[in-house]
PDB file of N, CA and C in Angstrom:
ATOM      1  N   MET A   1     129.458 -55.768 221.827  1.00  0.00           N
ATOM      2  CA  MET A   1     128.872 -57.094 221.660  1.00  0.00           C
ATOM      3  C   MET A   1     127.800 -57.091 220.570  1.00  0.00           C
ATOM      4  N   LYS A   2     126.995 -56.003 220.513  1.00  0.00           N
ATOM      5  CA  LYS A   2     125.957 -55.921 219.490  1.00  0.00           C
ATOM      6  C   LYS A   2     126.567 -55.877 218.094  1.00  0.00           C
ATOM      7  N   THR A   3     127.704 -55.202 217.963  1.00  0.00           N
ATOM      8  CA  THR A   3     128.367 -55.103 216.666  1.00  0.00           C
ATOM      9  C   THR A   3     128.844 -56.475 216.207  1.00  0.00           C
ATOM     10  N   LEU A   4     129.383 -57.265 217.121  1.00  0.00           N
ATOM     11  CA  LEU A   4     129.844 -58.613 216.783  1.00  0.00           C
ATOM     12  C   LEU A   4     128.667 -59.503 216.382  1.00  0.00           C
ATOM     13  N   THR A   5     127.567 -59.401 217.084  1.00  0.00           N
ATOM     14  CA  THR A   5     126.373 -60.173 216.765  1.00  0.00           C
ATOM     15  C   THR A   5     125.859 -59.797 215.379  1.00  0.00           C
ATOM     16  N   ARG A   6     125.802 -58.513 215.085  1.00  0.00           N
ATOM     17  CA  ARG A   6     125.346 -58.055 213.768  1.00  0.00           C
ATOM     18  C   ARG A   6     126.277 -58.551 212.662  1.00  0.00           C
ATOM     19  N   LEU A   7     127.571 -58.566 212.951  1.00  0.00           N
ATOM     20  CA  LEU A   7     128.534 -59.045 211.970  1.00  0.00           C
ATOM     21  C   LEU A   7     128.288 -60.517 211.649  1.00  0.00           C
ATOM     22  N   PHE A   8     128.071 -61.332 212.681  1.00  0.00           N
ATOM     23  CA  PHE A   8     127.795 -62.757 212.456  1.00  0.00           C
ATOM     24  C   PHE A   8     126.493 -62.955 211.694  1.00  0.00           C
ATOM     25  N   ILE A   9     125.484 -62.165 211.985  1.00  0.00           N
ATOM     26  CA  ILE A   9     124.211 -62.258 211.262  1.00  0.00           C
ATOM     27  C   ILE A   9     124.417 -61.886 209.796  1.00  0.00           C
ATOM     28  N   LEU A  10     125.167 -60.835 209.549  1.00  0.00           N
ATOM     29  CA  LEU A  10     125.452 -60.404 208.185  1.00  0.00           C
ATOM     30  C   LEU A  10     126.215 -61.483 207.415  1.00  0.00           C
ATOM     31  N   ILE A  11     127.226 -62.065 208.032  1.00  0.00           N
ATOM     32  CA  ILE A  11     128.000 -63.132 207.392  1.00  0.00           C
ATOM     33  C   ILE A  11     127.101 -64.332 207.092  1.00  0.00           C
ATOM     34  N   GLY A  12     126.238 -64.685 208.024  1.00  0.00           N
ATOM     35  CA  GLY A  12     125.307 -65.796 207.814  1.00  0.00           C
ATOM     36  C   GLY A  12     124.359 -65.537 206.659  1.00  0.00           C
ATOM     37  N   CYS A  13     123.870 -64.311 206.562  1.00  0.00           N
ATOM     38  CA  CYS A  13     122.969 -63.945 205.458  1.00  0.00           C
ATOM     39  C   CYS A  13     123.683 -64.021 204.114  1.00  0.00           C
ATOM     40  N   VAL A  14     124.897 -63.520 204.074  1.00  0.00           N
ATOM     41  CA  VAL A  14     125.663 -63.539 202.820  1.00  0.00           C
ATOM     42  C   VAL A  14     125.941 -64.974 202.392  1.00  0.00           C
ATOM     43  N   LEU A  15     126.363 -65.821 203.319  1.00  0.00           N
ATOM     44  CA  LEU A  15     126.656 -67.213 202.980  1.00  0.00           C
ATOM     45  C   LEU A  15     125.403 -67.959 202.549  1.00  0.00           C
ATOM     46  N   SER A  16     124.293 -67.742 203.213  1.00  0.00           N
ATOM     47  CA  SER A  16     123.068 -68.438 202.828  1.00  0.00           C
ATOM     48  C   SER A  16     122.558 -67.923 201.489  1.00  0.00           C
ATOM     49  N   PHE A  17     122.731 -66.657 201.200  1.00  0.00           N
ATOM     50  CA  PHE A  17     122.318 -66.099 199.919  1.00  0.00           C
ATOM     51  C   PHE A  17     123.154 -66.689 198.795  1.00  0.00           C
ATOM     52  N   GLN A  18     124.450 -66.819 199.004  1.00  0.00           N
ATOM     53  CA  GLN A  18     125.351 -67.310 197.984  1.00  0.00           C
ATOM     54  C   GLN A  18     125.026 -68.747 197.596  1.00  0.00           C
ATOM     55  N   PHE A  19     124.623 -69.573 198.527  1.00  0.00           N
ATOM     56  CA  PHE A  19     124.422 -70.982 198.253  1.00  0.00           C
ATOM     57  C   PHE A  19     122.948 -71.388 198.184  1.00  0.00           C
ATOM     58  N   SER A  20     122.044 -70.441 198.237  1.00  0.00           N
ATOM     59  CA  SER A  20     120.632 -70.803 198.308  1.00  0.00           C
ATOM     60  C   SER A  20     120.001 -71.085 196.957  1.00  0.00           C
ATOM     61  N   PHE A  21     120.699 -70.829 195.860  1.00  0.00           N
ATOM     62  CA  PHE A  21     120.082 -70.981 194.560  1.00  0.00           C
ATOM     63  C   PHE A  21     120.274 -72.360 193.940  1.00  0.00           C
ATOM     64  N   ALA A  22     121.204 -73.158 194.438  1.00  0.00           N
ATOM     65  CA  ALA A  22     121.337 -74.524 193.941  1.00  0.00           C
ATOM     66  C   ALA A  22     120.039 -75.250 194.242  1.00  0.00           C
ATOM     67  N   LYS A  23     119.566 -76.030 193.288  1.00  0.00           N
ATOM     68  CA  LYS A  23     118.238 -76.617 193.443  1.00  0.00           C
ATOM     69  C   LYS A  23     118.266 -78.094 193.083  1.00  0.00           C
ATOM     70  N   THR A  24     117.415 -78.845 193.747  1.00  0.00           N
ATOM     71  CA  THR A  24     117.199 -80.245 193.410  1.00  0.00           C
ATOM     72  C   THR A  24     115.794 -80.365 192.825  1.00  0.00           C
ATOM     73  N   TYR A  25     115.716 -80.947 191.640  1.00  0.00           N
ATOM     74  CA  TYR A  25     114.433 -81.146 190.960  1.00  0.00           C
ATOM     75  C   TYR A  25     114.065 -82.617 191.060  1.00  0.00           C
ATOM     76  N   ASN A  26     112.894 -82.906 191.582  1.00  0.00           N
ATOM     77  CA  ASN A  26     112.398 -84.277 191.639  1.00  0.00           C
ATOM     78  C   ASN A  26     111.402 -84.460 190.507  1.00  0.00           C
ATOM     79  N   VAL A  27     111.690 -85.379 189.610  1.00  0.00           N
ATOM     80  CA  VAL A  27     110.829 -85.622 188.458  1.00  0.00           C
ATOM     81  C   VAL A  27     110.078 -86.935 188.690  1.00  0.00           C
ATOM     82  N   VAL A  28     108.765 -86.845 188.733  1.00  0.00           N
ATOM     83  CA  VAL A  28     107.960 -88.036 189.030  1.00  0.00           C
ATOM     84  C   VAL A  28     108.022 -89.025 187.871  1.00  0.00           C
ATOM     85  N   ASN A  29     107.732 -90.261 188.163  1.00  0.00           N
ATOM     86  CA  ASN A  29     107.789 -91.346 187.193  1.00  0.00           C
ATOM     87  C   ASN A  29     106.970 -91.012 185.945  1.00  0.00           C
ATOM     88  N   GLY A  30     107.610 -91.125 184.785  1.00  0.00           N
ATOM     89  CA  GLY A  30     106.923 -90.944 183.510  1.00  0.00           C
ATOM     90  C   GLY A  30     106.753 -89.510 183.038  1.00  0.00           C
ATOM     91  N   ASP A  31     107.150 -88.544 183.824  1.00  0.00           N
ATOM     92  CA  ASP A  31     106.914 -87.136 183.493  1.00  0.00           C
ATOM     93  C   ASP A  31     108.050 -86.582 182.624  1.00  0.00           C
ATOM     94  N   VAL A  32     108.006 -86.893 181.325  1.00  0.00           N
ATOM     95  CA  VAL A  32     109.040 -86.431 180.398  1.00  0.00           C
ATOM     96  C   VAL A  32     109.003 -84.909 180.299  1.00  0.00           C
ATOM     97  N   ALA A  33     107.810 -84.328 180.247  1.00  0.00           N
ATOM     98  CA  ALA A  33     107.688 -82.861 180.187  1.00  0.00           C
ATOM     99  C   ALA A  33     108.297 -82.230 181.433  1.00  0.00           C
ATOM    100  N   GLY A  34     108.112 -82.852 182.592  1.00  0.00           N
ATOM    101  CA  GLY A  34     108.710 -82.355 183.836  1.00  0.00           C
ATOM    102  C   GLY A  34     110.224 -82.437 183.810  1.00  0.00           C
ATOM    103  N   LEU A  35     110.754 -83.502 183.197  1.00  0.00           N
ATOM    104  CA  LEU A  35     112.203 -83.645 183.062  1.00  0.00           C
ATOM    105  C   LEU A  35     112.752 -82.542 182.156  1.00  0.00           C
ATOM    106  N   ILE A  36     112.058 -82.268 181.069  1.00  0.00           N
ATOM    107  CA  ILE A  36     112.488 -81.212 180.150  1.00  0.00           C
ATOM    108  C   ILE A  36     112.430 -79.853 180.846  1.00  0.00           C
ATOM    109  N   ARG A  37     111.346 -79.588 181.594  1.00  0.00           N
ATOM    110  CA  ARG A  37     111.238 -78.315 182.333  1.00  0.00           C
ATOM    111  C   ARG A  37     112.377 -78.172 183.338  1.00  0.00           C
ATOM    112  N   ALA A  38     112.686 -79.256 184.052  1.00  0.00           N
ATOM    113  CA  ALA A  38     113.769 -79.220 185.042  1.00  0.00           C
ATOM    114  C   ALA A  38     115.108 -78.936 184.362  1.00  0.00           C
ATOM    115  N   MET A  39     115.341 -79.544 183.209  1.00  0.00           N
ATOM    116  CA  MET A  39     116.587 -79.306 182.487  1.00  0.00           C
ATOM    117  C   MET A  39     116.673 -77.861 182.010  1.00  0.00           C
ATOM    118  N   GLU A  40     115.565 -77.328 181.504  1.00  0.00           N
ATOM    119  CA  GLU A  40     115.559 -75.945 181.030  1.00  0.00           C
ATOM    120  C   GLU A  40     115.785 -74.966 182.180  1.00  0.00           C
ATOM    121  N   GLU A  41     115.133 -75.220 183.312  1.00  0.00           N
ATOM    122  CA  GLU A  41     115.300 -74.333 184.470  1.00  0.00           C
ATOM    123  C   GLU A  41     116.723 -74.411 185.014  1.00  0.00           C
ATOM    124  N   ALA A  42     117.270 -75.625 185.091  1.00  0.00           N
ATOM    125  CA  ALA A  42     118.643 -75.792 185.572  1.00  0.00           C
ATOM    126  C   ALA A  42     119.625 -75.108 184.625  1.00  0.00           C
ATOM    127  N   ASN A  43     119.347 -75.170 183.326  1.00  0.00           N
ATOM    128  CA  ASN A  43     120.218 -74.501 182.346  1.00  0.00           C
ATOM    129  C   ASN A  43     120.232 -72.991 182.547  1.00  0.00           C
ATOM    130  N   SER A  44     119.131 -72.435 183.013  1.00  0.00           N
ATOM    131  CA  SER A  44     119.061 -70.984 183.190  1.00  0.00           C
ATOM    132  C   SER A  44     119.710 -70.532 184.496  1.00  0.00           C
ATOM    133  N   SER A  45     120.078 -71.467 185.340  1.00  0.00           N
ATOM    134  CA  SER A  45     120.705 -71.162 186.626  1.00  0.00           C
ATOM    135  C   SER A  45     122.224 -71.194 186.483  1.00  0.00           C
ATOM    136  N   SER A  46     122.887 -70.371 187.251  1.00  0.00           N
ATOM    137  CA  SER A  46     124.351 -70.421 187.255  1.00  0.00           C
ATOM    138  C   SER A  46     124.875 -71.271 188.411  1.00  0.00           C
ATOM    139  N   GLN A  47     123.975 -71.866 189.153  1.00  0.00           N
ATOM    140  CA  GLN A  47     124.352 -72.703 190.290  1.00  0.00           C
ATOM    141  C   GLN A  47     124.407 -74.169 189.878  1.00  0.00           C
ATOM    142  N   ASP A  48     125.041 -74.994 190.698  1.00  0.00           N
ATOM    143  CA  ASP A  48     125.079 -76.436 190.472  1.00  0.00           C
ATOM    144  C   ASP A  48     123.751 -77.030 190.905  1.00  0.00           C
ATOM    145  N   ASP A  49     123.063 -77.695 189.989  1.00  0.00           N
ATOM    146  CA  ASP A  49     121.747 -78.262 190.272  1.00  0.00           C
ATOM    147  C   ASP A  49     121.773 -79.774 190.084  1.00  0.00           C
ATOM    148  N   GLU A  50     120.738 -80.429 190.631  1.00  0.00           N
ATOM    149  CA  GLU A  50     120.618 -81.875 190.502  1.00  0.00           C
ATOM    150  C   GLU A  50     119.183 -82.213 190.131  1.00  0.00           C
ATOM    151  N   ILE A  51     119.045 -83.126 189.175  1.00  0.00           N
ATOM    152  CA  ILE A  51     117.735 -83.640 188.787  1.00  0.00           C
ATOM    153  C   ILE A  51     117.667 -85.081 189.248  1.00  0.00           C
ATOM    154  N   LEU A  52     116.645 -85.392 190.034  1.00  0.00           N
ATOM    155  CA  LEU A  52     116.447 -86.755 190.533  1.00  0.00           C
ATOM    156  C   LEU A  52     115.273 -87.386 189.792  1.00  0.00           C
ATOM    157  N   LEU A  53     115.541 -88.469 189.075  1.00  0.00           N
ATOM    158  CA  LEU A  53     114.464 -89.221 188.441  1.00  0.00           C
ATOM    159  C   LEU A  53     113.870 -90.180 189.472  1.00  0.00           C
ATOM    160  N   ALA A  54     112.660 -90.637 189.208  1.00  0.00           N
ATOM    161  CA  ALA A  54     112.006 -91.574 190.127  1.00  0.00           C
ATOM    162  C   ALA A  54     112.802 -92.876 190.177  1.00  0.00           C
ATOM    163  N   PRO A  55     112.977 -93.455 191.365  1.00  0.00           N
ATOM    164  CA  PRO A  55     113.710 -94.713 191.463  1.00  0.00           C
ATOM    165  C   PRO A  55     113.064 -95.778 190.574  1.00  0.00           C
ATOM    166  N   ASN A  56     113.865 -96.382 189.714  1.00  0.00           N
ATOM    167  CA  ASN A  56     113.417 -97.414 188.782  1.00  0.00           C
ATOM    168  C   ASN A  56     112.259 -96.944 187.900  1.00  0.00           C
ATOM    169  N   GLY A  57     112.202 -95.637 187.641  1.00  0.00           N
ATOM    170  CA  GLY A  57     111.122 -95.070 186.844  1.00  0.00           C
ATOM    171  C   GLY A  57     111.264 -95.378 185.362  1.00  0.00           C
ATOM    172  N   LEU A  58     110.219 -95.031 184.613  1.00  0.00           N
ATOM    173  CA  LEU A  58     110.206 -95.223 183.164  1.00  0.00           C
ATOM    174  C   LEU A  58     109.730 -93.934 182.529  1.00  0.00           C
ATOM    175  N   TYR A  59     110.546 -93.391 181.645  1.00  0.00           N
ATOM    176  CA  TYR A  59     110.247 -92.157 180.932  1.00  0.00           C
ATOM    177  C   TYR A  59     110.233 -92.488 179.449  1.00  0.00           C
ATOM    178  N   ILE A  60     109.064 -92.378 178.814  1.00  0.00           N
ATOM    179  CA  ILE A  60     108.925 -92.722 177.403  1.00  0.00           C
ATOM    180  C   ILE A  60     108.884 -91.438 176.588  1.00  0.00           C
ATOM    181  N   VAL A  61     109.901 -91.252 175.760  1.00  0.00           N
ATOM    182  CA  VAL A  61     110.028 -90.062 174.933  1.00  0.00           C
ATOM    183  C   VAL A  61     109.322 -90.333 173.610  1.00  0.00           C
ATOM    184  N   SER A  62     108.329 -89.509 173.299  1.00  0.00           N
ATOM    185  CA  SER A  62     107.561 -89.753 172.080  1.00  0.00           C
ATOM    186  C   SER A  62     107.810 -88.726 170.987  1.00  0.00           C
ATOM    187  N   SER A  63     108.536 -87.658 171.301  1.00  0.00           N
ATOM    188  CA  SER A  63     108.819 -86.666 170.269  1.00  0.00           C
ATOM    189  C   SER A  63     110.116 -85.942 170.589  1.00  0.00           C
ATOM    190  N   ALA A  64     110.623 -85.278 169.583  1.00  0.00           N
ATOM    191  CA  ALA A  64     111.843 -84.493 169.741  1.00  0.00           C
ATOM    192  C   ALA A  64     111.540 -83.082 169.293  1.00  0.00           C
ATOM    193  N   GLY A  65     112.002 -82.124 170.061  1.00  0.00           N
ATOM    194  CA  GLY A  65     111.711 -80.757 169.707  1.00  0.00           C
ATOM    195  C   GLY A  65     112.861 -79.799 169.879  1.00  0.00           C
ATOM    196  N   PHE A  66     114.035 -80.317 170.128  1.00  0.00           N
ATOM    197  CA  PHE A  66     115.186 -79.451 170.370  1.00  0.00           C
ATOM    198  C   PHE A  66     116.224 -79.695 169.287  1.00  0.00           C
ATOM    199  N   VAL A  67     116.843 -78.641 168.857  1.00  0.00           N
ATOM    200  CA  VAL A  67     117.887 -78.743 167.841  1.00  0.00           C
ATOM    201  C   VAL A  67     119.218 -78.481 168.509  1.00  0.00           C
ATOM    202  N   GLY A  68     120.192 -79.306 168.199  1.00  0.00           N
ATOM    203  CA  GLY A  68     121.517 -79.150 168.771  1.00  0.00           C
ATOM    204  C   GLY A  68     122.189 -77.887 168.280  1.00  0.00           C
ATOM    205  N   ALA A  69     123.377 -77.638 168.762  1.00  0.00           N
ATOM    206  CA  ALA A  69     124.127 -76.450 168.362  1.00  0.00           C
ATOM    207  C   ALA A  69     124.220 -76.405 166.849  1.00  0.00           C
ATOM    208  N   GLU A  70     123.727 -75.337 166.266  1.00  0.00           N
ATOM    209  CA  GLU A  70     123.710 -75.132 164.820  1.00  0.00           C
ATOM    210  C   GLU A  70     122.950 -76.238 164.098  1.00  0.00           C
ATOM    211  N   GLY A  71     122.019 -76.913 164.780  1.00  0.00           N
ATOM    212  CA  GLY A  71     121.195 -77.922 164.144  1.00  0.00           C
ATOM    213  C   GLY A  71     121.853 -79.270 163.943  1.00  0.00           C
ATOM    214  N   PHE A  72     122.984 -79.507 164.576  1.00  0.00           N
ATOM    215  CA  PHE A  72     123.702 -80.760 164.370  1.00  0.00           C
ATOM    216  C   PHE A  72     123.894 -81.510 165.677  1.00  0.00           C
ATOM    217  N   TRP A  73     123.952 -82.818 165.594  1.00  0.00           N
ATOM    218  CA  TRP A  73     124.311 -83.638 166.736  1.00  0.00           C
ATOM    219  C   TRP A  73     125.818 -83.555 166.919  1.00  0.00           C
ATOM    220  N   ASN A  74     126.300 -84.149 167.985  1.00  0.00           N
ATOM    221  CA  ASN A  74     127.740 -84.141 168.240  1.00  0.00           C
ATOM    222  C   ASN A  74     128.527 -84.897 167.169  1.00  0.00           C
ATOM    223  N   ASP A  75     127.875 -85.848 166.486  1.00  0.00           N
ATOM    224  CA  ASP A  75     128.590 -86.602 165.452  1.00  0.00           C
ATOM    225  C   ASP A  75     128.535 -85.910 164.096  1.00  0.00           C
ATOM    226  N   GLY A  76     127.935 -84.711 164.023  1.00  0.00           N
ATOM    227  CA  GLY A  76     127.899 -83.947 162.792  1.00  0.00           C
ATOM    228  C   GLY A  76     126.659 -84.158 161.952  1.00  0.00           C
ATOM    229  N   SER A  77     125.842 -85.178 162.272  1.00  0.00           N
ATOM    230  CA  SER A  77     124.627 -85.390 161.498  1.00  0.00           C
ATOM    231  C   SER A  77     123.546 -84.423 161.967  1.00  0.00           C
ATOM    232  N   GLU A  78     122.579 -84.162 161.102  1.00  0.00           N
ATOM    233  CA  GLU A  78     121.505 -83.236 161.446  1.00  0.00           C
ATOM    234  C   GLU A  78     120.348 -83.981 162.077  1.00  0.00           C
ATOM    235  N   GLY A  79     119.564 -83.257 162.847  1.00  0.00           N
ATOM    236  CA  GLY A  79     118.358 -83.849 163.408  1.00  0.00           C
ATOM    237  C   GLY A  79     117.999 -83.270 164.747  1.00  0.00           C
ATOM    238  N   PRO A  80     116.763 -83.470 165.142  1.00  0.00           N
ATOM    239  CA  PRO A  80     116.303 -82.940 166.428  1.00  0.00           C
ATOM    240  C   PRO A  80     116.790 -83.781 167.607  1.00  0.00           C
ATOM    241  N   LEU A  81     116.764 -83.159 168.762  1.00  0.00           N
ATOM    242  CA  LEU A  81     117.138 -83.824 170.008  1.00  0.00           C
ATOM    243  C   LEU A  81     115.890 -84.019 170.862  1.00  0.00           C
ATOM    244  N   ALA A  82     115.874 -85.061 171.658  1.00  0.00           N
ATOM    245  CA  ALA A  82     114.739 -85.312 172.543  1.00  0.00           C
ATOM    246  C   ALA A  82     114.758 -84.387 173.761  1.00  0.00           C
ATOM    247  N   PHE A  83     115.944 -83.910 174.143  1.00  0.00           N
ATOM    248  CA  PHE A  83     116.094 -83.073 175.326  1.00  0.00           C
ATOM    249  C   PHE A  83     116.910 -81.833 174.992  1.00  0.00           C
ATOM    250  N   PRO A  84     116.726 -80.770 175.780  1.00  0.00           N
ATOM    251  CA  PRO A  84     117.539 -79.577 175.529  1.00  0.00           C
ATOM    252  C   PRO A  84     119.011 -79.855 175.812  1.00  0.00           C
ATOM    253  N   LEU A  85     119.870 -79.140 175.117  1.00  0.00           N
ATOM    254  CA  LEU A  85     121.290 -79.262 175.391  1.00  0.00           C
ATOM    255  C   LEU A  85     121.570 -78.750 176.797  1.00  0.00           C
ATOM    256  N   ILE A  86     122.519 -79.364 177.466  1.00  0.00           N
ATOM    257  CA  ILE A  86     122.879 -78.948 178.819  1.00  0.00           C
ATOM    258  C   ILE A  86     123.986 -77.912 178.704  1.00  0.00           C
ATOM    259  N   SER A  87     123.740 -76.747 179.285  1.00  0.00           N
ATOM    260  CA  SER A  87     124.733 -75.674 179.205  1.00  0.00           C
ATOM    261  C   SER A  87     125.919 -76.000 180.096  1.00  0.00           C
ATOM    262  N   ASN A  88     127.021 -75.338 179.834  1.00  0.00           N
ATOM    263  CA  ASN A  88     128.217 -75.574 180.652  1.00  0.00           C
ATOM    264  C   ASN A  88     128.466 -74.424 181.625  1.00  0.00           C
ATOM    265  N   ARG A  89     127.421 -73.633 181.909  1.00  0.00           N
ATOM    266  CA  ARG A  89     127.582 -72.534 182.866  1.00  0.00           C
ATOM    267  C   ARG A  89     127.713 -73.032 184.292  1.00  0.00           C
ATOM    268  N   SER A  90     127.179 -74.190 184.560  1.00  0.00           N
ATOM    269  CA  SER A  90     127.237 -74.754 185.904  1.00  0.00           C
ATOM    270  C   SER A  90     127.216 -76.271 185.797  1.00  0.00           C
ATOM    271  N   LYS A  91     127.338 -76.933 186.932  1.00  0.00           N
ATOM    272  CA  LYS A  91     127.309 -78.385 186.951  1.00  0.00           C
ATOM    273  C   LYS A  91     125.870 -78.844 187.113  1.00  0.00           C
ATOM    274  N   LEU A  92     125.461 -79.796 186.289  1.00  0.00           N
ATOM    275  CA  LEU A  92     124.128 -80.391 186.393  1.00  0.00           C
ATOM    276  C   LEU A  92     124.304 -81.892 186.531  1.00  0.00           C
ATOM    277  N   ILE A  93     123.766 -82.421 187.609  1.00  0.00           N
ATOM    278  CA  ILE A  93     123.807 -83.862 187.848  1.00  0.00           C
ATOM    279  C   ILE A  93     122.408 -84.398 187.586  1.00  0.00           C
ATOM    280  N   ILE A  94     122.305 -85.393 186.721  1.00  0.00           N
ATOM    281  CA  ILE A  94     121.032 -86.091 186.528  1.00  0.00           C
ATOM    282  C   ILE A  94     121.211 -87.456 187.154  1.00  0.00           C
ATOM    283  N   ASN A  95     120.553 -87.660 188.294  1.00  0.00           N
ATOM    284  CA  ASN A  95     120.661 -88.903 189.042  1.00  0.00           C
ATOM    285  C   ASN A  95     119.510 -89.801 188.608  1.00  0.00           C
ATOM    286  N   GLY A  96     119.829 -90.787 187.787  1.00  0.00           N
ATOM    287  CA  GLY A  96     118.813 -91.667 187.218  1.00  0.00           C
ATOM    288  C   GLY A  96     118.192 -92.625 188.216  1.00  0.00           C
ATOM    289  N   ARG A  97     118.893 -92.984 189.251  1.00  0.00           N
ATOM    290  CA  ARG A  97     118.406 -93.902 190.302  1.00  0.00           C
ATOM    291  C   ARG A  97     117.747 -95.149 189.710  1.00  0.00           C
ATOM    292  N   GLY A  98     118.346 -95.688 188.645  1.00  0.00           N
ATOM    293  CA  GLY A  98     117.844 -96.923 188.036  1.00  0.00           C
ATOM    294  C   GLY A  98     116.723 -96.703 187.035  1.00  0.00           C
ATOM    295  N   ALA A  99     116.404 -95.463 186.722  1.00  0.00           N
ATOM    296  CA  ALA A  99     115.315 -95.172 185.781  1.00  0.00           C
ATOM    297  C   ALA A  99     115.747 -95.474 184.346  1.00  0.00           C
ATOM    298  N   THR A 100     114.751 -95.680 183.494  1.00  0.00           N
ATOM    299  CA  THR A 100     114.977 -95.942 182.075  1.00  0.00           C
ATOM    300  C   THR A 100     114.312 -94.854 181.258  1.00  0.00           C
ATOM    301  N   ILE A 101     115.043 -94.330 180.266  1.00  0.00           N
ATOM    302  CA  ILE A 101     114.467 -93.392 179.306  1.00  0.00           C
ATOM    303  C   ILE A 101     114.381 -94.141 177.991  1.00  0.00           C
ATOM    304  N   LYS A 102     113.142 -94.275 177.477  1.00  0.00           N
ATOM    305  CA  LYS A 102     112.908 -95.127 176.324  1.00  0.00           C
ATOM    306  C   LYS A 102     112.331 -94.351 175.155  1.00  0.00           C
ATOM    307  N   ASN A 103     112.669 -94.809 173.971  1.00  0.00           N
ATOM    308  CA  ASN A 103     112.121 -94.298 172.727  1.00  0.00           C
ATOM    309  C   ASN A 103     111.375 -95.471 172.081  1.00  0.00           C
ATOM    310  N   PRO A 104     110.044 -95.552 172.264  1.00  0.00           N
ATOM    311  CA  PRO A 104     109.322 -96.743 171.837  1.00  0.00           C
ATOM    312  C   PRO A 104     109.223 -96.916 170.321  1.00  0.00           C
ATOM    313  N   ILE A 105     109.340 -95.838 169.576  1.00  0.00           N
ATOM    314  CA  ILE A 105     109.146 -95.921 168.131  1.00  0.00           C
ATOM    315  C   ILE A 105     110.487 -96.057 167.415  1.00  0.00           C
ATOM    316  N   ASN A 106     111.563 -95.941 168.157  1.00  0.00           N
ATOM    317  CA  ASN A 106     112.917 -96.020 167.612  1.00  0.00           C
ATOM    318  C   ASN A 106     113.155 -94.966 166.539  1.00  0.00           C
ATOM    319  N   ARG A 107     112.647 -93.770 166.787  1.00  0.00           N
ATOM    320  CA  ARG A 107     112.906 -92.656 165.880  1.00  0.00           C
ATOM    321  C   ARG A 107     114.381 -92.295 165.950  1.00  0.00           C
ATOM    322  N   HIS A 108     114.846 -91.672 164.900  1.00  0.00           N
ATOM    323  CA  HIS A 108     116.258 -91.293 164.833  1.00  0.00           C
ATOM    324  C   HIS A 108     116.455 -89.910 165.443  1.00  0.00           C
ATOM    325  N   TYR A 109     116.579 -89.868 166.764  1.00  0.00           N
ATOM    326  CA  TYR A 109     116.985 -88.630 167.431  1.00  0.00           C
ATOM    327  C   TYR A 109     117.758 -88.983 168.671  1.00  0.00           C
ATOM    328  N   SER A 110     118.559 -88.051 169.086  1.00  0.00           N
ATOM    329  CA  SER A 110     119.444 -88.275 170.219  1.00  0.00           C
ATOM    330  C   SER A 110     118.724 -87.957 171.513  1.00  0.00           C
ATOM    331  N   ASP A 111     118.844 -88.808 172.521  1.00  0.00           N
ATOM    332  CA  ASP A 111     118.253 -88.528 173.826  1.00  0.00           C
ATOM    333  C   ASP A 111     119.082 -87.502 174.569  1.00  0.00           C
ATOM    334  N   PHE A 112     120.353 -87.757 174.761  1.00  0.00           N
ATOM    335  CA  PHE A 112     121.233 -86.810 175.409  1.00  0.00           C
ATOM    336  C   PHE A 112     122.413 -86.563 174.495  1.00  0.00           C
ATOM    337  N   SER A 113     122.819 -85.329 174.426  1.00  0.00           N
ATOM    338  CA  SER A 113     123.932 -84.980 173.561  1.00  0.00           C
ATOM    339  C   SER A 113     125.087 -84.468 174.405  1.00  0.00           C
TER     340      SER A 113
END
């Protein structure tokens, strides 16, 4: 009986370890730097992650600091990106929940690529 109990405990530990790295990031209203940090951290994970923006939040992007693959946007033009590229190592869901991401100066950079 003890062997069976230990086996179930071991199986439970393995299953919880395998699925414990998926993460949900909650980004507070207006925290563009927090959104960028969440995207960067999710990109470094091999698990499926989710980023939750504040319900009906407003995120004002005032600068761009990321360069797309080889310095180009998806349409082939050059220029910086407002957000890091999302890797394809895992699934990343960005749940906007009615939030708006705005560029108040109308600079020429891509928000999401």
